[in-house]
Amino acid sequence: MFNFFKKNEPEKKQEEAKSAFQSFKDAVSKTSDAIISNILNVVGNNEKFDEFTLEDIETQLIKADLGIDLAVSIVEKIKKENVKPSDIKTFLRQEFQTILNKAGSNVLNFSPDNLNIYFITGVNGAGKTTLIGKLANKFKKDGYKVLLAAGDTFRAAAEEQLDIWSKRADVDIVREDKADSASVVYKAIEKAQAENYNVLIIDTAGRLQNKFNLIEELRKIKSVIDKKASNAVLESILVLDANLGQNGLSQAKVFKEAVNLTACALTKLDGSSKGGVIFSIAEQYSIPVKLIGIGEKIDDIRNFDKDEFISAIFE
């Protein structure tokens, strides 16, 4: 008789979705301010654009970490299409949506019937190890058997940190101190195949001080994966710190030279005003963002939804 006061399942799910969206919107609020609010303030109540206002829009886009080339391109399009100031928000929304769409699907590749390998790259300090731990926890909670490979054998602390995360997420790990990275990955693939793991997540070194050695090491690991696990589902993921904005984007070129990047993961997006780099990544390298970190807790990782991101920064 008391069911009258209970919310039905569709209403409950709707409220949960609304709450999750609001939480995400709060996390990217600084990016929204940098991209949208600042531009709308520049435009004001103008009835048409003059050169000074267009220059100001370009400056705001650059400040929002879209990069000079993309900012210039957008302003040129505003001129060419004679966009009215009153339509600037709609124009930008459509433009940003098109940029993200062209980069490809934001869905993380996964097959429950295959071994899924996530080859994680990125510079030291980008948040690779933390992201790996969160991703492992996510798959573990979904009921999958997960194995980590400590492929960053250059930095002893990296193996220790990954070991700690493996315990937190309650997943297995293959590590071999001071061993060759490719050798560790080889053994991890053998174990994953022999013991029917669903997911293998590979950590790698990220030292840019010696670019040549890093690229060669990553190529060697990629070769091992291609030969030893040719039937596996593979994602080569570049981890970038959202707070670095355009400064972090140059890293993409280095790692793209070494492996065939299929995705990007953006860490520390919450509280950053530089989330506009997502558009630069898509435009410049045609790499879709597939994962985002929006907090310090082990559950603070989520799949990137481009439609949700556009809505969160424009609504």
C-alpha atoms as a PDB file:
ATOM      1  CA  MET A   1       0.000   0.000   0.000  1.00  0.00           C
ATOM      2  CA  PHE A   2       2.952   2.294   0.515  1.00  0.00           C
ATOM      3  CA  ASN A   3       4.154   1.900  -3.097  1.00  0.00           C
ATOM      4  CA  PHE A   4       2.117   4.985  -3.900  1.00  0.00           C
ATOM      5  CA  PHE A   5       4.870   7.107  -2.373  1.00  0.00           C
ATOM      6  CA  LYS A   6       7.699   5.372  -4.211  1.00  0.00           C
ATOM      7  CA  LYS A   7       9.107   6.694  -7.455  1.00  0.00           C
ATOM      8  CA  ASN A   8       8.710   4.350 -10.377  1.00  0.00           C
ATOM      9  CA  GLU A   9      11.820   3.010 -12.104  1.00  0.00           C
ATOM     10  CA  PRO A  10      11.754   5.325 -15.168  1.00  0.00           C
ATOM     11  CA  GLU A  11      11.452   8.408 -12.938  1.00  0.00           C
ATOM     12  CA  LYS A  12      14.300   7.204 -10.744  1.00  0.00           C
ATOM     13  CA  LYS A  13      16.558   6.583 -13.755  1.00  0.00           C
ATOM     14  CA  GLN A  14      15.642   9.977 -15.190  1.00  0.00           C
ATOM     15  CA  GLU A  15      16.598  11.713 -11.942  1.00  0.00           C
ATOM     16  CA  GLU A  16      19.874   9.767 -11.733  1.00  0.00           C
ATOM     17  CA  ALA A  17      20.738  10.736 -15.313  1.00  0.00           C
ATOM     18  CA  LYS A  18      19.874  14.366 -14.584  1.00  0.00           C
ATOM     19  CA  SER A  19      22.057  14.333 -11.479  1.00  0.00           C
ATOM     20  CA  ALA A  20      24.964  12.705 -13.357  1.00  0.00           C
ATOM     21  CA  PHE A  21      24.721  15.303 -16.127  1.00  0.00           C
ATOM     22  CA  GLN A  22      24.672  18.161 -13.605  1.00  0.00           C
ATOM     23  CA  SER A  23      27.732  16.699 -11.903  1.00  0.00           C
ATOM     24  CA  PHE A  24      29.531  16.530 -15.259  1.00  0.00           C
ATOM     25  CA  LYS A  25      28.402  20.057 -16.141  1.00  0.00           C
ATOM     26  CA  ASP A  26      29.868  21.318 -12.854  1.00  0.00           C
ATOM     27  CA  ALA A  27      33.139  19.515 -13.625  1.00  0.00           C
ATOM     28  CA  VAL A  28      33.551  21.263 -16.985  1.00  0.00           C
ATOM     29  CA  SER A  29      32.156  24.642 -15.887  1.00  0.00           C
ATOM     30  CA  LYS A  30      35.525  26.403 -16.161  1.00  0.00           C
ATOM     31  CA  THR A  31      35.964  25.134 -19.711  1.00  0.00           C
ATOM     32  CA  SER A  32      32.431  26.326 -20.484  1.00  0.00           C
ATOM     33  CA  ASP A  33      33.229  29.786 -19.097  1.00  0.00           C
ATOM     34  CA  ALA A  34      36.466  29.965 -21.093  1.00  0.00           C
ATOM     35  CA  ILE A  35      34.864  28.972 -24.383  1.00  0.00           C
ATOM     36  CA  ILE A  36      31.293  30.287 -24.208  1.00  0.00           C
ATOM     37  CA  SER A  37      30.751  32.840 -21.449  1.00  0.00           C
ATOM     38  CA  ASN A  38      33.841  34.871 -22.310  1.00  0.00           C
ATOM     39  CA  ILE A  39      32.922  34.994 -26.005  1.00  0.00           C
ATOM     40  CA  LEU A  40      29.329  35.991 -25.289  1.00  0.00           C
ATOM     41  CA  ASN A  41      30.643  38.793 -23.071  1.00  0.00           C
ATOM     42  CA  VAL A  42      32.864  39.996 -25.911  1.00  0.00           C
ATOM     43  CA  VAL A  43      29.989  39.916 -28.408  1.00  0.00           C
ATOM     44  CA  GLY A  44      27.574  41.696 -26.067  1.00  0.00           C
ATOM     45  CA  ASN A  45      24.545  43.259 -27.764  1.00  0.00           C
ATOM     46  CA  ASN A  46      26.305  44.077 -31.036  1.00  0.00           C
ATOM     47  CA  GLU A  47      24.094  43.883 -34.106  1.00  0.00           C
ATOM     48  CA  LYS A  48      27.005  43.001 -36.371  1.00  0.00           C
ATOM     49  CA  PHE A  49      30.643  42.041 -36.035  1.00  0.00           C
ATOM     50  CA  ASP A  50      33.476  44.502 -36.506  1.00  0.00           C
ATOM     51  CA  GLU A  51      37.161  43.636 -36.823  1.00  0.00           C
ATOM     52  CA  PHE A  52      37.887  44.449 -33.179  1.00  0.00           C
ATOM     53  CA  THR A  53      35.180  42.083 -31.909  1.00  0.00           C
ATOM     54  CA  LEU A  54      36.325  39.310 -34.231  1.00  0.00           C
ATOM     55  CA  GLU A  55      39.879  39.742 -33.004  1.00  0.00           C
ATOM     56  CA  ASP A  56      38.604  39.511 -29.439  1.00  0.00           C
ATOM     57  CA  ILE A  57      36.725  36.294 -30.263  1.00  0.00           C
ATOM     58  CA  GLU A  58      39.889  34.850 -31.779  1.00  0.00           C
ATOM     59  CA  THR A  59      41.830  35.795 -28.643  1.00  0.00           C
ATOM     60  CA  GLN A  60      39.248  34.136 -26.390  1.00  0.00           C
ATOM     61  CA  LEU A  61      39.315  30.950 -28.454  1.00  0.00           C
ATOM     62  CA  ILE A  62      43.108  30.836 -28.197  1.00  0.00           C
ATOM     63  CA  LYS A  63      42.920  31.472 -24.443  1.00  0.00           C
ATOM     64  CA  ALA A  64      40.435  28.598 -24.200  1.00  0.00           C
ATOM     65  CA  ASP A  65      43.191  26.350 -25.606  1.00  0.00           C
ATOM     66  CA  LEU A  66      41.701  25.642 -28.988  1.00  0.00           C
ATOM     67  CA  GLY A  67      45.019  26.591 -30.543  1.00  0.00           C
ATOM     68  CA  ILE A  68      45.902  29.391 -32.950  1.00  0.00           C
ATOM     69  CA  ASP A  69      45.139  27.529 -36.194  1.00  0.00           C
ATOM     70  CA  LEU A  70      41.697  26.370 -35.102  1.00  0.00           C
ATOM     71  CA  ALA A  71      40.823  29.764 -33.587  1.00  0.00           C
ATOM     72  CA  VAL A  72      41.770  31.575 -36.814  1.00  0.00           C
ATOM     73  CA  SER A  73      39.843  29.043 -38.892  1.00  0.00           C
ATOM     74  CA  ILE A  74      36.666  29.528 -36.834  1.00  0.00           C
ATOM     75  CA  VAL A  75      36.833  33.325 -37.031  1.00  0.00           C
ATOM     76  CA  GLU A  76      37.394  33.156 -40.804  1.00  0.00           C
ATOM     77  CA  LYS A  77      34.298  30.987 -41.076  1.00  0.00           C
ATOM     78  CA  ILE A  78      32.289  33.529 -39.040  1.00  0.00           C
ATOM     79  CA  LYS A  79      33.296  36.165 -41.587  1.00  0.00           C
ATOM     80  CA  LYS A  80      32.680  33.969 -44.629  1.00  0.00           C
ATOM     81  CA  GLU A  81      29.227  32.844 -43.515  1.00  0.00           C
ATOM     82  CA  ASN A  82      28.244  36.304 -42.231  1.00  0.00           C
ATOM     83  CA  VAL A  83      27.255  34.919 -38.865  1.00  0.00           C
ATOM     84  CA  LYS A  84      25.186  37.351 -36.823  1.00  0.00           C
ATOM     85  CA  PRO A  85      26.227  38.129 -33.249  1.00  0.00           C
ATOM     86  CA  SER A  86      22.850  36.844 -32.032  1.00  0.00           C
ATOM     87  CA  ASP A  87      23.620  33.478 -33.664  1.00  0.00           C
ATOM     88  CA  ILE A  88      27.188  33.090 -32.412  1.00  0.00           C
ATOM     89  CA  LYS A  89      26.345  30.528 -29.702  1.00  0.00           C
ATOM     90  CA  THR A  90      24.403  28.326 -32.137  1.00  0.00           C
ATOM     91  CA  PHE A  91      27.178  28.644 -34.733  1.00  0.00           C
ATOM     92  CA  LEU A  92      29.913  27.633 -32.263  1.00  0.00           C
ATOM     93  CA  ARG A  93      27.876  24.713 -30.990  1.00  0.00           C
ATOM     94  CA  GLN A  94      27.412  23.338 -34.507  1.00  0.00           C
ATOM     95  CA  GLU A  95      31.057  23.965 -35.373  1.00  0.00           C
ATOM     96  CA  PHE A  96      32.378  22.169 -32.299  1.00  0.00           C
ATOM     97  CA  GLN A  97      29.975  19.281 -32.804  1.00  0.00           C
ATOM     98  CA  THR A  98      31.207  18.864 -36.394  1.00  0.00           C
ATOM     99  CA  ILE A  99      34.854  18.877 -35.269  1.00  0.00           C
ATOM    100  CA  LEU A 100      34.243  16.114 -32.712  1.00  0.00           C
ATOM    101  CA  ASN A 101      32.157  14.070 -35.146  1.00  0.00           C
ATOM    102  CA  LYS A 102      34.912  14.128 -37.777  1.00  0.00           C
ATOM    103  CA  ALA A 103      37.425  12.621 -35.319  1.00  0.00           C
ATOM    104  CA  GLY A 104      35.410   9.396 -35.152  1.00  0.00           C
ATOM    105  CA  SER A 105      33.578   7.386 -32.532  1.00  0.00           C
ATOM    106  CA  ASN A 106      34.135   8.153 -28.861  1.00  0.00           C
ATOM    107  CA  VAL A 107      33.136   4.642 -27.803  1.00  0.00           C
ATOM    108  CA  LEU A 108      35.973   2.628 -26.273  1.00  0.00           C
ATOM    109  CA  ASN A 109      36.484  -0.534 -28.324  1.00  0.00           C
ATOM    110  CA  PHE A 110      35.614  -3.654 -26.328  1.00  0.00           C
ATOM    111  CA  SER A 111      34.493  -7.191 -27.092  1.00  0.00           C
ATOM    112  CA  PRO A 112      33.372  -9.548 -24.287  1.00  0.00           C
ATOM    113  CA  ASP A 113      34.388 -12.525 -26.445  1.00  0.00           C
ATOM    114  CA  ASN A 114      37.994 -11.438 -27.054  1.00  0.00           C
ATOM    115  CA  LEU A 115      41.081 -10.312 -25.205  1.00  0.00           C
ATOM    116  CA  ASN A 116      40.938  -6.517 -25.066  1.00  0.00           C
ATOM    117  CA  ILE A 117      44.303  -4.746 -24.864  1.00  0.00           C
ATOM    118  CA  TYR A 118      44.609  -1.119 -23.789  1.00  0.00           C
ATOM    119  CA  PHE A 119      48.084   0.175 -24.630  1.00  0.00           C
ATOM    120  CA  ILE A 120      48.507   3.295 -22.488  1.00  0.00           C
ATOM    121  CA  THR A 121      51.031   5.986 -23.481  1.00  0.00           C
ATOM    122  CA  GLY A 122      51.815   9.509 -22.320  1.00  0.00           C
ATOM    123  CA  VAL A 123      54.477  11.560 -20.562  1.00  0.00           C
ATOM    124  CA  ASN A 124      55.349  11.106 -16.915  1.00  0.00           C
ATOM    125  CA  GLY A 125      53.017  13.149 -14.736  1.00  0.00           C
ATOM    126  CA  ALA A 126      50.071  13.040 -17.149  1.00  0.00           C
ATOM    127  CA  GLY A 127      48.201  10.669 -14.852  1.00  0.00           C
ATOM    128  CA  LYS A 128      48.767   7.392 -16.735  1.00  0.00           C
ATOM    129  CA  THR A 129      49.085   5.142 -13.698  1.00  0.00           C
ATOM    130  CA  THR A 130      46.044   6.617 -11.979  1.00  0.00           C
ATOM    131  CA  LEU A 131      43.966   6.292 -15.138  1.00  0.00           C
ATOM    132  CA  ILE A 132      45.062   2.661 -15.523  1.00  0.00           C
ATOM    133  CA  GLY A 133      43.999   1.923 -11.952  1.00  0.00           C
ATOM    134  CA  LYS A 134      40.615   3.571 -12.462  1.00  0.00           C
ATOM    135  CA  LEU A 135      40.068   1.798 -15.793  1.00  0.00           C
ATOM    136  CA  ALA A 136      41.004  -1.556 -14.235  1.00  0.00           C
ATOM    137  CA  ASN A 137      38.549  -0.929 -11.412  1.00  0.00           C
ATOM    138  CA  LYS A 138      35.824  -0.018 -13.909  1.00  0.00           C
ATOM    139  CA  PHE A 139      36.223  -3.276 -15.851  1.00  0.00           C
ATOM    140  CA  LYS A 140      36.527  -5.305 -12.642  1.00  0.00           C
ATOM    141  CA  LYS A 141      33.252  -3.860 -11.335  1.00  0.00           C
ATOM    142  CA  ASP A 142      31.611  -4.798 -14.627  1.00  0.00           C
ATOM    143  CA  GLY A 143      32.552  -8.408 -13.919  1.00  0.00           C
ATOM    144  CA  TYR A 144      35.551  -8.810 -16.224  1.00  0.00           C
ATOM    145  CA  LYS A 145      38.883 -10.501 -15.501  1.00  0.00           C
ATOM    146  CA  VAL A 146      41.605  -7.843 -15.631  1.00  0.00           C
ATOM    147  CA  LEU A 147      45.400  -8.010 -15.860  1.00  0.00           C
ATOM    148  CA  LEU A 148      47.887  -5.121 -15.661  1.00  0.00           C
ATOM    149  CA  ALA A 149      51.332  -5.117 -17.300  1.00  0.00           C
ATOM    150  CA  ALA A 150      53.994  -2.955 -15.643  1.00  0.00           C
ATOM    151  CA  GLY A 151      55.683  -1.907 -18.884  1.00  0.00           C
ATOM    152  CA  ASP A 152      57.330   1.205 -17.431  1.00  0.00           C
ATOM    153  CA  THR A 153      60.431  -0.552 -16.165  1.00  0.00           C
ATOM    154  CA  PHE A 154      62.595   2.554 -16.503  1.00  0.00           C
ATOM    155  CA  ARG A 155      61.123   4.170 -13.390  1.00  0.00           C
ATOM    156  CA  ALA A 156      61.055   1.892 -10.320  1.00  0.00           C
ATOM    157  CA  ALA A 157      58.379   4.057  -8.720  1.00  0.00           C
ATOM    158  CA  ALA A 158      56.076   3.437 -11.680  1.00  0.00           C
ATOM    159  CA  GLU A 159      56.002  -0.310 -10.996  1.00  0.00           C
ATOM    160  CA  GLU A 160      55.381   0.282  -7.305  1.00  0.00           C
ATOM    161  CA  GLN A 161      52.531   2.695  -8.031  1.00  0.00           C
ATOM    162  CA  LEU A 162      50.912   0.304 -10.501  1.00  0.00           C
ATOM    163  CA  ASP A 163      51.224  -2.515  -7.974  1.00  0.00           C
ATOM    164  CA  ILE A 164      49.375  -0.367  -5.417  1.00  0.00           C
ATOM    165  CA  TRP A 165      46.603   0.372  -7.928  1.00  0.00           C
ATOM    166  CA  SER A 166      46.303  -3.328  -8.811  1.00  0.00           C
ATOM    167  CA  LYS A 167      45.623  -4.072  -5.153  1.00  0.00           C
ATOM    168  CA  ARG A 168      43.121  -1.217  -4.844  1.00  0.00           C
ATOM    169  CA  ALA A 169      41.222  -2.417  -7.899  1.00  0.00           C
ATOM    170  CA  ASP A 170      41.682  -6.079  -6.891  1.00  0.00           C
ATOM    171  CA  VAL A 171      43.172  -7.117 -10.233  1.00  0.00           C
ATOM    172  CA  ASP A 172      46.286  -9.098 -11.199  1.00  0.00           C
ATOM    173  CA  ILE A 173      49.597  -7.665 -12.372  1.00  0.00           C
ATOM    174  CA  VAL A 174      52.680  -8.828 -14.283  1.00  0.00           C
ATOM    175  CA  ARG A 175      55.836  -6.996 -13.247  1.00  0.00           C
ATOM    176  CA  GLU A 176      59.516  -7.752 -13.527  1.00  0.00           C
ATOM    177  CA  ASP A 177      61.819  -5.133 -12.065  1.00  0.00           C
ATOM    178  CA  LYS A 178      64.560  -3.847 -14.400  1.00  0.00           C
ATOM    179  CA  ALA A 179      63.437  -6.133 -17.210  1.00  0.00           C
ATOM    180  CA  ASP A 180      62.999  -5.096 -20.823  1.00  0.00           C
ATOM    181  CA  SER A 181      59.555  -3.504 -21.271  1.00  0.00           C
ATOM    182  CA  ALA A 182      58.702  -5.566 -24.345  1.00  0.00           C
ATOM    183  CA  SER A 183      59.601  -8.728 -22.421  1.00  0.00           C
ATOM    184  CA  VAL A 184      57.174  -7.825 -19.614  1.00  0.00           C
ATOM    185  CA  VAL A 185      54.421  -7.174 -22.149  1.00  0.00           C
ATOM    186  CA  TYR A 186      55.160 -10.474 -23.920  1.00  0.00           C
ATOM    187  CA  LYS A 187      54.778 -12.383 -20.639  1.00  0.00           C
ATOM    188  CA  ALA A 188      51.621 -10.471 -19.775  1.00  0.00           C
ATOM    189  CA  ILE A 189      50.036 -11.363 -23.128  1.00  0.00           C
ATOM    190  CA  GLU A 190      50.975 -15.039 -22.631  1.00  0.00           C
ATOM    191  CA  LYS A 191      49.352 -15.018 -19.187  1.00  0.00           C
ATOM    192  CA  ALA A 192      46.260 -13.173 -20.427  1.00  0.00           C
ATOM    193  CA  GLN A 193      45.772 -15.689 -23.254  1.00  0.00           C
ATOM    194  CA  ALA A 194      46.501 -18.797 -21.185  1.00  0.00           C
ATOM    195  CA  GLU A 195      44.251 -17.793 -18.272  1.00  0.00           C
ATOM    196  CA  ASN A 196      41.393 -16.276 -20.278  1.00  0.00           C
ATOM    197  CA  TYR A 197      41.580 -12.662 -19.143  1.00  0.00           C
ATOM    198  CA  ASN A 198      39.099 -10.265 -20.719  1.00  0.00           C
ATOM    199  CA  VAL A 199      41.242  -7.149 -20.321  1.00  0.00           C
ATOM    200  CA  LEU A 200      44.977  -6.425 -20.418  1.00  0.00           C
ATOM    201  CA  ILE A 201      46.057  -2.861 -19.623  1.00  0.00           C
ATOM    202  CA  ILE A 202      49.678  -1.998 -20.439  1.00  0.00           C
ATOM    203  CA  ASP A 203      51.576   0.809 -18.723  1.00  0.00           C
ATOM    204  CA  THR A 204      54.525   2.347 -20.592  1.00  0.00           C
ATOM    205  CA  ALA A 205      57.368   4.777 -19.980  1.00  0.00           C
ATOM    206  CA  GLY A 206      56.815   8.443 -20.712  1.00  0.00           C
ATOM    207  CA  ARG A 207      60.243  10.042 -20.562  1.00  0.00           C
ATOM    208  CA  LEU A 208      60.546  12.651 -23.289  1.00  0.00           C
ATOM    209  CA  GLN A 209      64.125  13.565 -22.401  1.00  0.00           C
ATOM    210  CA  ASN A 210      65.371  10.996 -24.885  1.00  0.00           C
ATOM    211  CA  LYS A 211      62.673  10.949 -27.540  1.00  0.00           C
ATOM    212  CA  PHE A 212      64.437   8.478 -29.840  1.00  0.00           C
ATOM    213  CA  ASN A 213      64.797   5.788 -27.147  1.00  0.00           C
ATOM    214  CA  LEU A 214      61.184   6.253 -26.034  1.00  0.00           C
ATOM    215  CA  ILE A 215      59.780   5.937 -29.536  1.00  0.00           C
ATOM    216  CA  GLU A 216      61.878   2.851 -30.258  1.00  0.00           C
ATOM    217  CA  GLU A 217      60.743   1.224 -27.011  1.00  0.00           C
ATOM    218  CA  LEU A 218      57.075   1.911 -27.738  1.00  0.00           C
ATOM    219  CA  ARG A 219      57.436   0.598 -31.283  1.00  0.00           C
ATOM    220  CA  LYS A 220      58.989  -2.574 -29.911  1.00  0.00           C
ATOM    221  CA  ILE A 221      56.066  -3.082 -27.510  1.00  0.00           C
ATOM    222  CA  LYS A 222      53.563  -2.399 -30.294  1.00  0.00           C
ATOM    223  CA  SER A 223      55.332  -4.993 -32.461  1.00  0.00           C
ATOM    224  CA  VAL A 224      55.053  -7.572 -29.667  1.00  0.00           C
ATOM    225  CA  ILE A 225      51.320  -6.871 -29.335  1.00  0.00           C
ATOM    226  CA  ASP A 226      50.760  -7.103 -33.093  1.00  0.00           C
ATOM    227  CA  LYS A 227      52.620 -10.425 -33.389  1.00  0.00           C
ATOM    228  CA  LYS A 228      51.597 -12.087 -30.130  1.00  0.00           C
ATOM    229  CA  ALA A 229      47.974 -10.906 -29.929  1.00  0.00           C
ATOM    230  CA  SER A 230      46.928 -10.194 -33.502  1.00  0.00           C
ATOM    231  CA  ASN A 231      43.327 -11.256 -32.801  1.00  0.00           C
ATOM    232  CA  ALA A 232      42.915  -9.045 -29.730  1.00  0.00           C
ATOM    233  CA  VAL A 233      40.883  -5.856 -29.661  1.00  0.00           C
ATOM    234  CA  LEU A 234      43.504  -3.105 -29.361  1.00  0.00           C
ATOM    235  CA  GLU A 235      43.229   0.522 -28.298  1.00  0.00           C
ATOM    236  CA  SER A 236      46.390   2.665 -28.261  1.00  0.00           C
ATOM    237  CA  ILE A 237      45.494   5.444 -25.849  1.00  0.00           C
ATOM    238  CA  LEU A 238      47.372   8.698 -25.272  1.00  0.00           C
ATOM    239  CA  VAL A 239      46.887  10.151 -21.787  1.00  0.00           C
ATOM    240  CA  LEU A 240      46.978  13.955 -21.580  1.00  0.00           C
ATOM    241  CA  ASP A 241      46.709  16.240 -18.555  1.00  0.00           C
ATOM    242  CA  ALA A 242      43.840  18.669 -19.273  1.00  0.00           C
ATOM    243  CA  ASN A 243      45.585  21.393 -17.288  1.00  0.00           C
ATOM    244  CA  LEU A 244      48.425  21.512 -19.826  1.00  0.00           C
ATOM    245  CA  GLY A 245      46.108  22.480 -22.689  1.00  0.00           C
ATOM    246  CA  GLN A 246      48.052  23.293 -25.861  1.00  0.00           C
ATOM    247  CA  ASN A 247      51.359  22.604 -24.103  1.00  0.00           C
ATOM    248  CA  GLY A 248      50.312  18.982 -23.805  1.00  0.00           C
ATOM    249  CA  LEU A 249      49.111  18.720 -27.380  1.00  0.00           C
ATOM    250  CA  SER A 250      52.650  18.660 -28.782  1.00  0.00           C
ATOM    251  CA  GLN A 251      53.071  15.348 -26.970  1.00  0.00           C
ATOM    252  CA  ALA A 252      50.522  13.789 -29.296  1.00  0.00           C
ATOM    253  CA  LYS A 253      52.913  14.137 -32.224  1.00  0.00           C
ATOM    254  CA  VAL A 254      55.677  12.229 -30.433  1.00  0.00           C
ATOM    255  CA  PHE A 255      53.442   9.314 -29.503  1.00  0.00           C
ATOM    256  CA  LYS A 256      51.697   9.279 -32.856  1.00  0.00           C
ATOM    257  CA  GLU A 257      55.116   8.725 -34.436  1.00  0.00           C
ATOM    258  CA  ALA A 258      55.664   5.690 -32.232  1.00  0.00           C
ATOM    259  CA  VAL A 259      52.283   3.917 -32.245  1.00  0.00           C
ATOM    260  CA  ASN A 260      49.063   4.113 -34.165  1.00  0.00           C
ATOM    261  CA  LEU A 261      47.057   6.109 -31.608  1.00  0.00           C
ATOM    262  CA  THR A 262      43.362   5.243 -31.658  1.00  0.00           C
ATOM    263  CA  ALA A 263      42.150   7.292 -28.701  1.00  0.00           C
ATOM    264  CA  CYS A 264      42.957   9.959 -26.156  1.00  0.00           C
ATOM    265  CA  ALA A 265      42.195  10.025 -22.440  1.00  0.00           C
ATOM    266  CA  LEU A 266      42.023  13.419 -20.738  1.00  0.00           C
ATOM    267  CA  THR A 267      42.852  13.438 -17.037  1.00  0.00           C
ATOM    268  CA  LYS A 268      42.149  16.139 -14.430  1.00  0.00           C
ATOM    269  CA  LEU A 269      39.364  17.649 -16.539  1.00  0.00           C
ATOM    270  CA  ASP A 270      37.424  18.701 -13.460  1.00  0.00           C
ATOM    271  CA  GLY A 271      38.296  22.259 -12.507  1.00  0.00           C
ATOM    272  CA  SER A 272      40.383  22.848 -15.639  1.00  0.00           C
ATOM    273  CA  SER A 273      39.614  25.767 -17.939  1.00  0.00           C
ATOM    274  CA  LYS A 274      41.607  24.142 -20.749  1.00  0.00           C
ATOM    275  CA  GLY A 275      39.179  21.436 -21.866  1.00  0.00           C
ATOM    276  CA  GLY A 276      39.037  23.202 -25.229  1.00  0.00           C
ATOM    277  CA  VAL A 277      42.117  21.166 -26.128  1.00  0.00           C
ATOM    278  CA  ILE A 278      39.658  18.334 -26.881  1.00  0.00           C
ATOM    279  CA  PHE A 279      38.710  20.178 -30.071  1.00  0.00           C
ATOM    280  CA  SER A 280      42.361  20.663 -31.061  1.00  0.00           C
ATOM    281  CA  ILE A 281      43.094  16.964 -30.575  1.00  0.00           C
ATOM    282  CA  ALA A 282      40.142  16.073 -32.794  1.00  0.00           C
ATOM    283  CA  GLU A 283      40.905  18.689 -35.461  1.00  0.00           C
ATOM    284  CA  GLN A 284      44.680  18.375 -35.651  1.00  0.00           C
ATOM    285  CA  TYR A 285      45.217  14.648 -35.152  1.00  0.00           C
ATOM    286  CA  SER A 286      41.776  13.100 -35.812  1.00  0.00           C
ATOM    287  CA  ILE A 287      42.051  11.316 -32.474  1.00  0.00           C
ATOM    288  CA  PRO A 288      38.776  10.965 -30.533  1.00  0.00           C
ATOM    289  CA  VAL A 289      38.744  11.441 -26.776  1.00  0.00           C
ATOM    290  CA  LYS A 290      37.291   8.259 -25.275  1.00  0.00           C
ATOM    291  CA  LEU A 291      38.003   8.524 -21.548  1.00  0.00           C
ATOM    292  CA  ILE A 292      38.032  11.393 -19.062  1.00  0.00           C
ATOM    293  CA  GLY A 293      39.130  11.679 -15.461  1.00  0.00           C
ATOM    294  CA  ILE A 294      37.028  14.045 -13.368  1.00  0.00           C
ATOM    295  CA  GLY A 295      38.184  13.518  -9.790  1.00  0.00           C
ATOM    296  CA  GLU A 296      40.581  11.808  -7.406  1.00  0.00           C
ATOM    297  CA  LYS A 297      38.464   8.801  -6.375  1.00  0.00           C
ATOM    298  CA  ILE A 298      38.884   5.374  -7.951  1.00  0.00           C
ATOM    299  CA  ASP A 299      35.435   5.655  -9.559  1.00  0.00           C
ATOM    300  CA  ASP A 300      36.129   9.104 -11.045  1.00  0.00           C
ATOM    301  CA  ILE A 301      36.551   7.937 -14.614  1.00  0.00           C
ATOM    302  CA  ARG A 302      33.940   7.904 -17.320  1.00  0.00           C
ATOM    303  CA  ASN A 303      33.512   7.263 -20.994  1.00  0.00           C
ATOM    304  CA  PHE A 304      33.623  10.495 -22.958  1.00  0.00           C
ATOM    305  CA  ASP A 305      30.342  11.347 -24.661  1.00  0.00           C
ATOM    306  CA  LYS A 306      30.821  14.128 -27.217  1.00  0.00           C
ATOM    307  CA  ASP A 307      27.114  15.032 -27.257  1.00  0.00           C
ATOM    308  CA  GLU A 308      27.072  15.257 -23.472  1.00  0.00           C
ATOM    309  CA  PHE A 309      30.245  17.371 -23.502  1.00  0.00           C
ATOM    310  CA  ILE A 310      28.789  19.799 -26.052  1.00  0.00           C
ATOM    311  CA  SER A 311      25.567  20.059 -24.036  1.00  0.00           C
ATOM    312  CA  ALA A 312      27.457  20.573 -20.782  1.00  0.00           C
ATOM    313  CA  ILE A 313      29.494  23.510 -22.068  1.00  0.00           C
ATOM    314  CA  PHE A 314      26.701  25.187 -24.042  1.00  0.00           C
ATOM    315  CA  GLU A 315      23.668  24.790 -21.784  1.00  0.00           C
END
